[in-house]
Amino acid sequence: MPELSRVSGDEVISALKRLGFVRVRQRGSHVVMKRATPDGTIGCVVPLHKELAEGTLRGILKQAQVSHEEFKENL
């Protein structure tokens, strides 16, 4: 599995927007992003931290159903 680089919450949000996600709401330092697909709606929660831990980023990508390669291409 390719190693993920350290990124901020804002960088993740920007990459997800390029992948078709829309910022739905925010509560405190957590932003909810959603994308409509033919199978239904996909959502994920992104914390607005200066640097996300690798495990946190993996969880976000898993929720968003985005591959690591797809994410890296849109950073």
PDB file of N, CA and C in Angstrom:
ATOM      1  N   MET A   1       0.855  -1.178   0.000  1.00  0.00           N
ATOM      2  CA  MET A   1       0.000   0.000   0.000  1.00  0.00           C
ATOM      3  C   MET A   1       0.899   1.239   0.000  1.00  0.00           C
ATOM      4  N   PRO A   2       0.635   2.191  -0.912  1.00  0.00           N
ATOM      5  CA  PRO A   2       1.472   3.379  -0.976  1.00  0.00           C
ATOM      6  C   PRO A   2       1.331   4.228   0.282  1.00  0.00           C
ATOM      7  N   GLU A   3       2.435   4.834   0.642  1.00  0.00           N
ATOM      8  CA  GLU A   3       2.430   5.667   1.840  1.00  0.00           C
ATOM      9  C   GLU A   3       1.767   7.009   1.539  1.00  0.00           C
ATOM     10  N   LEU A   4       0.966   7.477   2.484  1.00  0.00           N
ATOM     11  CA  LEU A   4       0.283   8.758   2.328  1.00  0.00           C
ATOM     12  C   LEU A   4       1.128   9.867   2.938  1.00  0.00           C
ATOM     13  N   SER A   5       1.138  11.016   2.283  1.00  0.00           N
ATOM     14  CA  SER A   5       1.892  12.145   2.805  1.00  0.00           C
ATOM     15  C   SER A   5       1.067  12.869   3.862  1.00  0.00           C
ATOM     16  N   ARG A   6       1.732  13.640   4.685  1.00  0.00           N
ATOM     17  CA  ARG A   6       1.052  14.434   5.711  1.00  0.00           C
ATOM     18  C   ARG A   6       0.405  15.639   5.058  1.00  0.00           C
ATOM     19  N   VAL A   7      -0.881  15.781   5.277  1.00  0.00           N
ATOM     20  CA  VAL A   7      -1.624  16.903   4.696  1.00  0.00           C
ATOM     21  C   VAL A   7      -2.512  17.525   5.763  1.00  0.00           C
ATOM     22  N   SER A   8      -2.963  18.737   5.509  1.00  0.00           N
ATOM     23  CA  SER A   8      -3.858  19.420   6.441  1.00  0.00           C
ATOM     24  C   SER A   8      -5.306  19.110   6.070  1.00  0.00           C
ATOM     25  N   GLY A   9      -6.217  19.428   6.957  1.00  0.00           N
ATOM     26  CA  GLY A   9      -7.632  19.246   6.696  1.00  0.00           C
ATOM     27  C   GLY A   9      -8.097  20.069   5.506  1.00  0.00           C
ATOM     28  N   ASP A  10      -7.572  21.289   5.367  1.00  0.00           N
ATOM     29  CA  ASP A  10      -7.937  22.150   4.237  1.00  0.00           C
ATOM     30  C   ASP A  10      -7.502  21.544   2.907  1.00  0.00           C
ATOM     31  N   GLU A  11      -6.319  20.920   2.882  1.00  0.00           N
ATOM     32  CA  GLU A  11      -5.834  20.280   1.655  1.00  0.00           C
ATOM     33  C   GLU A  11      -6.709  19.087   1.282  1.00  0.00           C
ATOM     34  N   VAL A  12      -7.158  18.341   2.286  1.00  0.00           N
ATOM     35  CA  VAL A  12      -8.043  17.200   2.036  1.00  0.00           C
ATOM     36  C   VAL A  12      -9.367  17.690   1.469  1.00  0.00           C
ATOM     37  N   ILE A  13      -9.912  18.749   2.039  1.00  0.00           N
ATOM     38  CA  ILE A  13     -11.179  19.309   1.558  1.00  0.00           C
ATOM     39  C   ILE A  13     -11.043  19.768   0.109  1.00  0.00           C
ATOM     40  N   SER A  14      -9.943  20.418  -0.230  1.00  0.00           N
ATOM     41  CA  SER A  14      -9.720  20.880  -1.602  1.00  0.00           C
ATOM     42  C   SER A  14      -9.660  19.699  -2.572  1.00  0.00           C
ATOM     43  N   ALA A  15      -8.950  18.647  -2.184  1.00  0.00           N
ATOM     44  CA  ALA A  15      -8.845  17.461  -3.045  1.00  0.00           C
ATOM     45  C   ALA A  15     -10.205  16.792  -3.210  1.00  0.00           C
ATOM     46  N   LEU A  16     -10.975  16.705  -2.130  1.00  0.00           N
ATOM     47  CA  LEU A  16     -12.302  16.083  -2.211  1.00  0.00           C
ATOM     48  C   LEU A  16     -13.239  16.914  -3.082  1.00  0.00           C
ATOM     49  N   LYS A  17     -13.113  18.236  -3.035  1.00  0.00           N
ATOM     50  CA  LYS A  17     -13.933  19.095  -3.898  1.00  0.00           C
ATOM     51  C   LYS A  17     -13.622  18.817  -5.365  1.00  0.00           C
ATOM     52  N   ARG A  18     -12.342  18.608  -5.696  1.00  0.00           N
ATOM     53  CA  ARG A  18     -11.956  18.285  -7.074  1.00  0.00           C
ATOM     54  C   ARG A  18     -12.528  16.941  -7.511  1.00  0.00           C
ATOM     55  N   LEU A  19     -12.801  16.073  -6.529  1.00  0.00           N
ATOM     56  CA  LEU A  19     -13.373  14.749  -6.813  1.00  0.00           C
ATOM     57  C   LEU A  19     -14.898  14.760  -6.815  1.00  0.00           C
ATOM     58  N   GLY A  20     -15.498  15.939  -6.681  1.00  0.00           N
ATOM     59  CA  GLY A  20     -16.944  16.045  -6.776  1.00  0.00           C
ATOM     60  C   GLY A  20     -17.684  16.146  -5.453  1.00  0.00           C
ATOM     61  N   PHE A  21     -16.964  16.227  -4.345  1.00  0.00           N
ATOM     62  CA  PHE A  21     -17.612  16.361  -3.041  1.00  0.00           C
ATOM     63  C   PHE A  21     -18.009  17.807  -2.801  1.00  0.00           C
ATOM     64  N   VAL A  22     -19.050  17.996  -2.009  1.00  0.00           N
ATOM     65  CA  VAL A  22     -19.551  19.325  -1.668  1.00  0.00           C
ATOM     66  C   VAL A  22     -19.534  19.456  -0.148  1.00  0.00           C
ATOM     67  N   ARG A  23     -19.140  20.626   0.318  1.00  0.00           N
ATOM     68  CA  ARG A  23     -19.144  20.909   1.748  1.00  0.00           C
ATOM     69  C   ARG A  23     -20.593  21.122   2.188  1.00  0.00           C
ATOM     70  N   VAL A  24     -21.094  20.242   3.066  1.00  0.00           N
ATOM     71  CA  VAL A  24     -22.493  20.289   3.470  1.00  0.00           C
ATOM     72  C   VAL A  24     -22.683  21.125   4.723  1.00  0.00           C
ATOM     73  N   ARG A  25     -21.873  20.865   5.730  1.00  0.00           N
ATOM     74  CA  ARG A  25     -21.995  21.619   6.983  1.00  0.00           C
ATOM     75  C   ARG A  25     -20.706  21.503   7.787  1.00  0.00           C
ATOM     76  N   GLN A  26     -20.635  22.323   8.825  1.00  0.00           N
ATOM     77  CA  GLN A  26     -19.477  22.303   9.711  1.00  0.00           C
ATOM     78  C   GLN A  26     -19.955  22.499  11.137  1.00  0.00           C
ATOM     79  N   ARG A  27     -19.366  21.744  12.034  1.00  0.00           N
ATOM     80  CA  ARG A  27     -19.639  21.926  13.458  1.00  0.00           C
ATOM     81  C   ARG A  27     -18.307  21.922  14.174  1.00  0.00           C
ATOM     82  N   GLY A  28     -17.949  23.070  14.690  1.00  0.00           N
ATOM     83  CA  GLY A  28     -16.641  23.189  15.332  1.00  0.00           C
ATOM     84  C   GLY A  28     -15.551  23.042  14.293  1.00  0.00           C
ATOM     85  N   SER A  29     -14.637  22.100  14.538  1.00  0.00           N
ATOM     86  CA  SER A  29     -13.526  21.917  13.615  1.00  0.00           C
ATOM     87  C   SER A  29     -13.715  20.716  12.695  1.00  0.00           C
ATOM     88  N   HIS A  30     -14.944  20.243  12.532  1.00  0.00           N
ATOM     89  CA  HIS A  30     -15.213  19.101  11.669  1.00  0.00           C
ATOM     90  C   HIS A  30     -16.166  19.495  10.533  1.00  0.00           C
ATOM     91  N   VAL A  31     -15.753  19.172   9.307  1.00  0.00           N
ATOM     92  CA  VAL A  31     -16.523  19.508   8.118  1.00  0.00           C
ATOM     93  C   VAL A  31     -17.097  18.229   7.518  1.00  0.00           C
ATOM     94  N   VAL A  32     -18.382  18.254   7.173  1.00  0.00           N
ATOM     95  CA  VAL A  32     -19.035  17.112   6.540  1.00  0.00           C
ATOM     96  C   VAL A  32     -19.071  17.368   5.040  1.00  0.00           C
ATOM     97  N   MET A  33     -18.547  16.402   4.273  1.00  0.00           N
ATOM     98  CA  MET A  33     -18.510  16.478   2.814  1.00  0.00           C
ATOM     99  C   MET A  33     -19.376  15.356   2.257  1.00  0.00           C
ATOM    100  N   LYS A  34     -20.090  15.626   1.147  1.00  0.00           N
ATOM    101  CA  LYS A  34     -20.936  14.599   0.526  1.00  0.00           C
ATOM    102  C   LYS A  34     -20.809  14.664  -0.989  1.00  0.00           C
ATOM    103  N   ARG A  35     -21.070  13.491  -1.605  1.00  0.00           N
ATOM    104  CA  ARG A  35     -21.069  13.382  -3.066  1.00  0.00           C
ATOM    105  C   ARG A  35     -22.183  12.435  -3.472  1.00  0.00           C
ATOM    106  N   ALA A  36     -22.966  12.823  -4.464  1.00  0.00           N
ATOM    107  CA  ALA A  36     -24.040  11.976  -4.970  1.00  0.00           C
ATOM    108  C   ALA A  36     -23.473  11.032  -6.027  1.00  0.00           C
ATOM    109  N   THR A  37     -23.845   9.756  -5.949  1.00  0.00           N
ATOM    110  CA  THR A  37     -23.444   8.748  -6.926  1.00  0.00           C
ATOM    111  C   THR A  37     -24.692   8.008  -7.384  1.00  0.00           C
ATOM    112  N   PRO A  38     -24.593   7.233  -8.457  1.00  0.00           N
ATOM    113  CA  PRO A  38     -25.756   6.449  -8.883  1.00  0.00           C
ATOM    114  C   PRO A  38     -26.242   5.465  -7.823  1.00  0.00           C
ATOM    115  N   ASP A  39     -25.342   5.015  -6.956  1.00  0.00           N
ATOM    116  CA  ASP A  39     -25.691   4.060  -5.893  1.00  0.00           C
ATOM    117  C   ASP A  39     -26.224   4.733  -4.637  1.00  0.00           C
ATOM    118  N   GLY A  40     -26.137   6.049  -4.547  1.00  0.00           N
ATOM    119  CA  GLY A  40     -26.584   6.775  -3.358  1.00  0.00           C
ATOM    120  C   GLY A  40     -25.613   7.886  -3.014  1.00  0.00           C
ATOM    121  N   THR A  41     -25.714   8.365  -1.797  1.00  0.00           N
ATOM    122  CA  THR A  41     -24.859   9.466  -1.348  1.00  0.00           C
ATOM    123  C   THR A  41     -23.698   8.924  -0.523  1.00  0.00           C
ATOM    124  N   ILE A  42     -22.515   9.466  -0.775  1.00  0.00           N
ATOM    125  CA  ILE A  42     -21.317   9.108  -0.010  1.00  0.00           C
ATOM    126  C   ILE A  42     -20.944  10.317   0.820  1.00  0.00           C
ATOM    127  N   GLY A  43     -20.652  10.106   2.097  1.00  0.00           N
ATOM    128  CA  GLY A  43     -20.276  11.208   2.972  1.00  0.00           C
ATOM    129  C   GLY A  43     -19.036  10.893   3.771  1.00  0.00           C
ATOM    130  N   CYS A  44     -18.357  11.928   4.212  1.00  0.00           N
ATOM    131  CA  CYS A  44     -17.200  11.751   5.077  1.00  0.00           C
ATOM    132  C   CYS A  44     -17.035  13.006   5.936  1.00  0.00           C
ATOM    133  N   VAL A  45     -16.325  12.851   7.030  1.00  0.00           N
ATOM    134  CA  VAL A  45     -16.084  13.939   7.973  1.00  0.00           C
ATOM    135  C   VAL A  45     -14.593  14.243   7.974  1.00  0.00           C
ATOM    136  N   VAL A  46     -14.234  15.516   7.793  1.00  0.00           N
ATOM    137  CA  VAL A  46     -12.836  15.937   7.746  1.00  0.00           C
ATOM    138  C   VAL A  46     -12.562  16.903   8.884  1.00  0.00           C
ATOM    139  N   PRO A  47     -11.632  16.557   9.806  1.00  0.00           N
ATOM    140  CA  PRO A  47     -11.263  17.504  10.858  1.00  0.00           C
ATOM    141  C   PRO A  47     -10.334  18.585  10.296  1.00  0.00           C
ATOM    142  N   LEU A  48     -10.515  19.806  10.725  1.00  0.00           N
ATOM    143  CA  LEU A  48      -9.692  20.917  10.232  1.00  0.00           C
ATOM    144  C   LEU A  48      -8.429  21.075  11.077  1.00  0.00           C
ATOM    145  N   HIS A  49      -7.576  20.074  11.036  1.00  0.00           N
ATOM    146  CA  HIS A  49      -6.315  20.118  11.770  1.00  0.00           C
ATOM    147  C   HIS A  49      -5.206  20.566  10.827  1.00  0.00           C
ATOM    148  N   LYS A  50      -4.125  21.103  11.404  1.00  0.00           N
ATOM    149  CA  LYS A  50      -2.996  21.549  10.589  1.00  0.00           C
ATOM    150  C   LYS A  50      -2.323  20.374   9.906  1.00  0.00           C
ATOM    151  N   GLU A  51      -2.303  19.228  10.572  1.00  0.00           N
ATOM    152  CA  GLU A  51      -1.697  18.029  10.010  1.00  0.00           C
ATOM    153  C   GLU A  51      -2.509  16.824  10.461  1.00  0.00           C
ATOM    154  N   LEU A  52      -2.999  16.038   9.515  1.00  0.00           N
ATOM    155  CA  LEU A  52      -3.790  14.855   9.847  1.00  0.00           C
ATOM    156  C   LEU A  52      -2.879  13.648  10.009  1.00  0.00           C
ATOM    157  N   ALA A  53      -3.176  12.821  10.989  1.00  0.00           N
ATOM    158  CA  ALA A  53      -2.433  11.582  11.179  1.00  0.00           C
ATOM    159  C   ALA A  53      -2.734  10.655  10.002  1.00  0.00           C
ATOM    160  N   GLU A  54      -1.807   9.751   9.708  1.00  0.00           N
ATOM    161  CA  GLU A  54      -1.974   8.848   8.569  1.00  0.00           C
ATOM    162  C   GLU A  54      -3.230   7.988   8.713  1.00  0.00           C
ATOM    163  N   GLY A  55      -3.501   7.498   9.911  1.00  0.00           N
ATOM    164  CA  GLY A  55      -4.683   6.679  10.151  1.00  0.00           C
ATOM    165  C   GLY A  55      -5.974   7.457   9.960  1.00  0.00           C
ATOM    166  N   THR A  56      -5.973   8.720  10.356  1.00  0.00           N
ATOM    167  CA  THR A  56      -7.143   9.579  10.167  1.00  0.00           C
ATOM    168  C   THR A  56      -7.407   9.783   8.685  1.00  0.00           C
ATOM    169  N   LEU A  57      -6.354  10.036   7.924  1.00  0.00           N
ATOM    170  CA  LEU A  57      -6.503  10.232   6.481  1.00  0.00           C
ATOM    171  C   LEU A  57      -6.999   8.950   5.813  1.00  0.00           C
ATOM    172  N   ARG A  58      -6.474   7.807   6.228  1.00  0.00           N
ATOM    173  CA  ARG A  58      -6.955   6.526   5.687  1.00  0.00           C
ATOM    174  C   ARG A  58      -8.450   6.351   5.947  1.00  0.00           C
ATOM    175  N   GLY A  59      -8.897   6.696   7.154  1.00  0.00           N
ATOM    176  CA  GLY A  59     -10.306   6.584   7.501  1.00  0.00           C
ATOM    177  C   GLY A  59     -11.179   7.490   6.655  1.00  0.00           C
ATOM    178  N   ILE A  60     -10.708   8.717   6.410  1.00  0.00           N
ATOM    179  CA  ILE A  60     -11.458   9.666   5.581  1.00  0.00           C
ATOM    180  C   ILE A  60     -11.595   9.121   4.165  1.00  0.00           C
ATOM    181  N   LEU A  61     -10.491   8.609   3.602  1.00  0.00           N
ATOM    182  CA  LEU A  61     -10.530   8.082   2.241  1.00  0.00           C
ATOM    183  C   LEU A  61     -11.417   6.840   2.148  1.00  0.00           C
ATOM    184  N   LYS A  62     -11.430   6.042   3.198  1.00  0.00           N
ATOM    185  CA  LYS A  62     -12.291   4.855   3.220  1.00  0.00           C
ATOM    186  C   LYS A  62     -13.760   5.265   3.258  1.00  0.00           C
ATOM    187  N   GLN A  63     -14.097   6.242   4.103  1.00  0.00           N
ATOM    188  CA  GLN A  63     -15.471   6.760   4.158  1.00  0.00           C
ATOM    189  C   GLN A  63     -15.889   7.328   2.804  1.00  0.00           C
ATOM    190  N   ALA A  64     -14.980   8.052   2.168  1.00  0.00           N
ATOM    191  CA  ALA A  64     -15.276   8.737   0.904  1.00  0.00           C
ATOM    192  C   ALA A  64     -15.216   7.789  -0.291  1.00  0.00           C
ATOM    193  N   GLN A  65     -14.751   6.562  -0.074  1.00  0.00           N
ATOM    194  CA  GLN A  65     -14.588   5.570  -1.138  1.00  0.00           C
ATOM    195  C   GLN A  65     -13.697   6.103  -2.253  1.00  0.00           C
ATOM    196  N   VAL A  66     -12.559   6.674  -1.835  1.00  0.00           N
ATOM    197  CA  VAL A  66     -11.579   7.238  -2.758  1.00  0.00           C
ATOM    198  C   VAL A  66     -10.277   6.464  -2.577  1.00  0.00           C
ATOM    199  N   SER A  67      -9.656   6.053  -3.689  1.00  0.00           N
ATOM    200  CA  SER A  67      -8.392   5.330  -3.598  1.00  0.00           C
ATOM    201  C   SER A  67      -7.254   6.306  -3.281  1.00  0.00           C
ATOM    202  N   HIS A  68      -6.153   5.744  -2.776  1.00  0.00           N
ATOM    203  CA  HIS A  68      -4.992   6.582  -2.433  1.00  0.00           C
ATOM    204  C   HIS A  68      -4.442   7.265  -3.678  1.00  0.00           C
ATOM    205  N   GLU A  69      -4.398   6.531  -4.806  1.00  0.00           N
ATOM    206  CA  GLU A  69      -3.881   7.093  -6.049  1.00  0.00           C
ATOM    207  C   GLU A  69      -4.761   8.237  -6.542  1.00  0.00           C
ATOM    208  N   GLU A  70      -6.062   8.023  -6.484  1.00  0.00           N
ATOM    209  CA  GLU A  70      -7.025   9.050  -6.902  1.00  0.00           C
ATOM    210  C   GLU A  70      -6.870  10.314  -6.050  1.00  0.00           C
ATOM    211  N   PHE A  71      -6.669  10.114  -4.754  1.00  0.00           N
ATOM    212  CA  PHE A  71      -6.499  11.235  -3.837  1.00  0.00           C
ATOM    213  C   PHE A  71      -5.220  12.004  -4.147  1.00  0.00           C
ATOM    214  N   LYS A  72      -4.106  11.271  -4.339  1.00  0.00           N
ATOM    215  CA  LYS A  72      -2.824  11.917  -4.621  1.00  0.00           C
ATOM    216  C   LYS A  72      -2.867  12.726  -5.913  1.00  0.00           C
ATOM    217  N   GLU A  73      -3.576  12.215  -6.918  1.00  0.00           N
ATOM    218  CA  GLU A  73      -3.688  12.923  -8.196  1.00  0.00           C
ATOM    219  C   GLU A  73      -4.423  14.251  -8.047  1.00  0.00           C
ATOM    220  N   ASN A  74      -5.304  14.362  -7.053  1.00  0.00           N
ATOM    221  CA  ASN A  74      -6.122  15.557  -6.888  1.00  0.00           C
ATOM    222  C   ASN A  74      -5.627  16.473  -5.775  1.00  0.00           C
ATOM    223  N   LEU A  75      -4.487  16.179  -5.187  1.00  0.00           N
ATOM    224  CA  LEU A  75      -3.931  17.067  -4.162  1.00  0.00           C
ATOM    225  C   LEU A  75      -3.458  18.372  -4.758  1.00  0.00           C
TER     226      LEU A  75
END
